[in-house]
Amino acid sequence: MLEKREGTINKIVYEFTSYRNGKYSMYPTISDLYLLLNKITRSKVTTEYIRITPFYLNEKVKLQREFDEYMFYLECREQFTVQDEEFHILENLGRDANTVTSDEFEKGKILTPLCRYDDPKTYKSLLEGYRKFLDMILPRLFESAKIDLELTDEDLAFGYFCFEIHSE
């Protein structure tokens, strides 16, 4: 049973990820995720964190491919420095400053950003940036799922992307 947490964003996430009063979980499709993100950005508030993990599910072959490496994790803090932010990104990438490429770091800035609790404008901007990133990356994730799951063209009609979403 899913717990309905306090807070505007937590209530929105609950609304989009549960049914039968929290007895069952739902995993929004891309269109539902976009609706959820729009509703969150219109709320003009922040939350402790929101985590979104994409996965591809194919009903015909009964397989799924999770894309943990493209998990979005937006954390809000009371305060942080530029160094804190850089450390946070590198830590989430599992790399150090000497080995990370600029492309990897930029991806990390999109997927694991920090925000202040009292800054809903930046929070909104970071969610919108993630949405644009999804528009760019989903076709590549689709190709990856097709290869990893050894799907035929006929199998593709039975698959779709979903998103596991948590907030606090």
Protein backbone atom coordinates (compact mmCIF):
# COMPACT_ATOMS: atom_id res chain seq x y z
CA MET A 1 0.00 0.00 0.00
CA LEU A 2 1.37 3.39 -1.00
CA GLU A 3 1.56 6.07 1.63
CA LYS A 4 -0.04 9.42 0.83
CA ARG A 5 2.52 11.98 2.00
CA GLU A 6 1.96 15.58 3.00
CA GLY A 7 2.86 18.36 0.58
CA THR A 8 1.59 19.62 -2.73
CA ILE A 9 4.08 17.79 -4.96
CA ASN A 10 3.80 14.55 -2.98
CA LYS A 11 0.03 14.66 -3.46
CA ILE A 12 0.44 15.23 -7.21
CA VAL A 13 2.87 12.30 -7.48
CA TYR A 14 0.49 10.11 -5.46
CA GLU A 15 -2.39 11.07 -7.76
CA PHE A 16 -0.41 9.99 -10.85
CA THR A 17 1.23 6.86 -9.40
CA SER A 18 -1.45 5.08 -7.40
CA TYR A 19 -5.01 3.89 -7.66
CA ARG A 20 -7.63 2.32 -5.40
CA ASN A 21 -6.63 4.63 -2.55
CA GLY A 22 -2.96 3.69 -2.76
CA LYS A 23 -3.51 -0.05 -2.81
CA TYR A 24 -1.82 -0.35 -6.22
CA SER A 25 1.03 1.44 -7.99
CA MET A 26 0.88 2.88 -11.49
CA TYR A 27 3.80 3.81 -13.68
CA PRO A 28 2.91 6.80 -15.86
CA THR A 29 3.53 6.68 -19.60
CA ILE A 30 5.37 9.55 -21.28
CA SER A 31 2.19 11.56 -21.86
CA ASP A 32 1.12 11.11 -18.22
CA LEU A 33 4.61 12.05 -17.05
CA TYR A 34 4.39 15.29 -19.03
CA LEU A 35 0.99 16.02 -17.44
CA LEU A 36 2.47 15.33 -14.01
CA LEU A 37 5.47 17.61 -14.66
CA ASN A 38 3.18 20.38 -15.92
CA LYS A 39 1.01 20.10 -12.83
CA ILE A 40 4.07 20.21 -10.56
CA THR A 41 5.56 23.25 -12.30
CA ARG A 42 2.24 25.10 -12.07
CA SER A 43 2.12 24.43 -8.32
CA LYS A 44 5.01 26.89 -7.75
CA VAL A 45 6.41 24.89 -4.82
CA THR A 46 9.36 22.57 -4.24
CA THR A 47 9.80 19.33 -2.33
CA GLU A 48 12.69 17.51 -0.64
CA TYR A 49 13.33 15.41 -3.73
CA ILE A 50 11.72 13.96 -6.81
CA ARG A 51 13.14 10.87 -8.53
CA ILE A 52 12.03 9.66 -11.95
CA THR A 53 13.36 6.44 -13.48
CA PRO A 54 12.46 5.51 -17.07
CA PHE A 55 11.89 1.96 -18.19
CA TYR A 56 10.68 0.28 -21.36
CA LEU A 57 8.09 -2.47 -21.04
CA ASN A 58 7.09 -4.88 -23.78
CA GLU A 59 3.90 -6.83 -23.17
CA LYS A 60 4.39 -9.31 -26.02
CA VAL A 61 7.75 -10.66 -24.89
CA LYS A 62 7.03 -9.98 -21.18
CA LEU A 63 10.35 -8.19 -20.69
CA GLN A 64 11.38 -4.77 -19.52
CA ARG A 65 14.56 -2.69 -19.66
CA GLU A 66 15.20 -0.25 -16.83
CA PHE A 67 17.33 2.79 -17.53
CA ASP A 68 18.75 3.56 -14.09
CA GLU A 69 21.61 5.43 -15.73
CA TYR A 70 19.02 7.99 -16.87
CA MET A 71 17.32 8.37 -13.50
CA PHE A 72 16.42 11.99 -12.74
CA TYR A 73 17.00 12.98 -9.11
CA LEU A 74 16.23 16.59 -8.19
CA GLU A 75 17.13 17.34 -4.58
CA CYS A 76 16.23 20.53 -2.73
CA ARG A 77 18.36 21.87 0.10
CA GLU A 78 18.30 24.90 2.34
CA GLN A 79 21.60 26.01 0.88
CA PHE A 80 24.55 24.71 -1.10
CA THR A 81 27.68 26.02 -2.78
CA VAL A 82 28.93 25.54 -6.32
CA GLN A 83 31.44 23.05 -4.90
CA ASP A 84 28.63 21.15 -3.16
CA GLU A 85 26.78 20.97 -6.46
CA GLU A 86 29.84 19.75 -8.37
CA PHE A 87 30.56 17.12 -5.70
CA HIS A 88 26.91 15.99 -5.80
CA ILE A 89 27.02 15.57 -9.59
CA LEU A 90 30.34 13.71 -9.56
CA GLU A 91 29.20 11.48 -6.72
CA ASN A 92 26.03 10.53 -8.62
CA LEU A 93 28.05 9.87 -11.76
CA GLY A 94 30.40 7.67 -9.74
CA ARG A 95 33.36 9.58 -11.18
CA ASP A 96 35.99 12.04 -10.02
CA ALA A 97 36.79 15.40 -11.55
CA ASN A 98 39.89 14.02 -13.31
CA THR A 99 38.08 11.29 -15.24
CA VAL A 100 34.67 12.76 -16.05
CA THR A 101 34.16 14.16 -19.54
CA SER A 102 32.40 17.47 -20.11
CA ASP A 103 29.49 15.63 -21.80
CA GLU A 104 29.11 13.32 -18.80
CA PHE A 105 29.19 16.28 -16.42
CA GLU A 106 26.54 18.13 -18.45
CA LYS A 107 24.35 15.02 -18.40
CA GLY A 108 24.89 14.87 -14.63
CA LYS A 109 23.82 18.51 -14.28
CA ILE A 110 20.54 17.66 -16.01
CA LEU A 111 19.88 14.34 -14.26
CA THR A 112 21.06 15.11 -10.70
CA PRO A 113 20.58 18.82 -10.08
CA LEU A 114 20.31 20.61 -6.76
CA CYS A 115 17.81 23.32 -5.95
CA ARG A 116 17.00 25.50 -2.96
CA TYR A 117 13.75 24.84 -1.07
CA ASP A 118 12.79 28.48 -1.45
CA ASP A 119 13.34 28.67 -5.22
CA PRO A 120 10.33 27.32 -7.14
CA LYS A 121 11.41 29.17 -10.31
CA THR A 122 14.65 27.20 -10.52
CA TYR A 123 12.79 24.02 -9.56
CA LYS A 124 10.41 24.60 -12.48
CA SER A 125 13.31 25.33 -14.83
CA LEU A 126 15.12 22.12 -13.83
CA LEU A 127 11.97 20.04 -14.42
CA GLU A 128 11.50 21.68 -17.83
CA GLY A 129 15.16 20.94 -18.65
CA TYR A 130 14.60 17.30 -17.79
CA ARG A 131 11.55 17.19 -20.03
CA LYS A 132 13.58 18.57 -22.96
CA PHE A 133 16.31 16.04 -22.20
CA LEU A 134 13.72 13.23 -22.34
CA ASP A 135 12.53 14.45 -25.74
CA MET A 136 16.09 14.10 -26.97
CA ILE A 137 17.08 10.85 -25.25
CA LEU A 138 13.95 8.66 -25.53
CA PRO A 139 14.55 7.69 -29.18
CA ARG A 140 18.04 6.47 -28.20
CA LEU A 141 16.66 4.60 -25.19
CA PHE A 142 14.10 3.00 -27.48
CA GLU A 143 16.87 1.76 -29.78
CA SER A 144 18.81 0.47 -26.78
CA ALA A 145 15.75 -1.41 -25.50
CA LYS A 146 15.16 -2.85 -28.97
CA ILE A 147 18.70 -4.25 -29.05
CA ASP A 148 18.91 -5.34 -25.39
CA LEU A 149 15.56 -7.14 -25.47
CA GLU A 150 16.16 -8.51 -28.99
CA LEU A 151 12.84 -7.17 -30.24
CA THR A 152 11.57 -7.65 -33.77
CA ASP A 153 9.73 -4.90 -35.63
CA GLU A 154 6.51 -6.79 -34.93
CA ASP A 155 7.27 -6.82 -31.18
CA LEU A 156 7.64 -3.04 -31.07
CA ALA A 157 3.91 -2.39 -31.31
CA PHE A 158 3.48 -4.01 -27.88
CA GLY A 159 5.95 -1.84 -25.99
CA TYR A 160 5.99 1.53 -24.27
CA PHE A 161 7.97 3.70 -21.87
CA CYS A 162 6.88 4.10 -18.28
CA PHE A 163 8.34 6.00 -15.35
CA GLU A 164 8.76 5.07 -11.73
CA ILE A 165 8.32 8.23 -9.68
CA HIS A 166 9.02 8.97 -6.02
CA SER A 167 8.97 12.19 -4.06
CA GLU A 168 9.27 13.32 -0.50
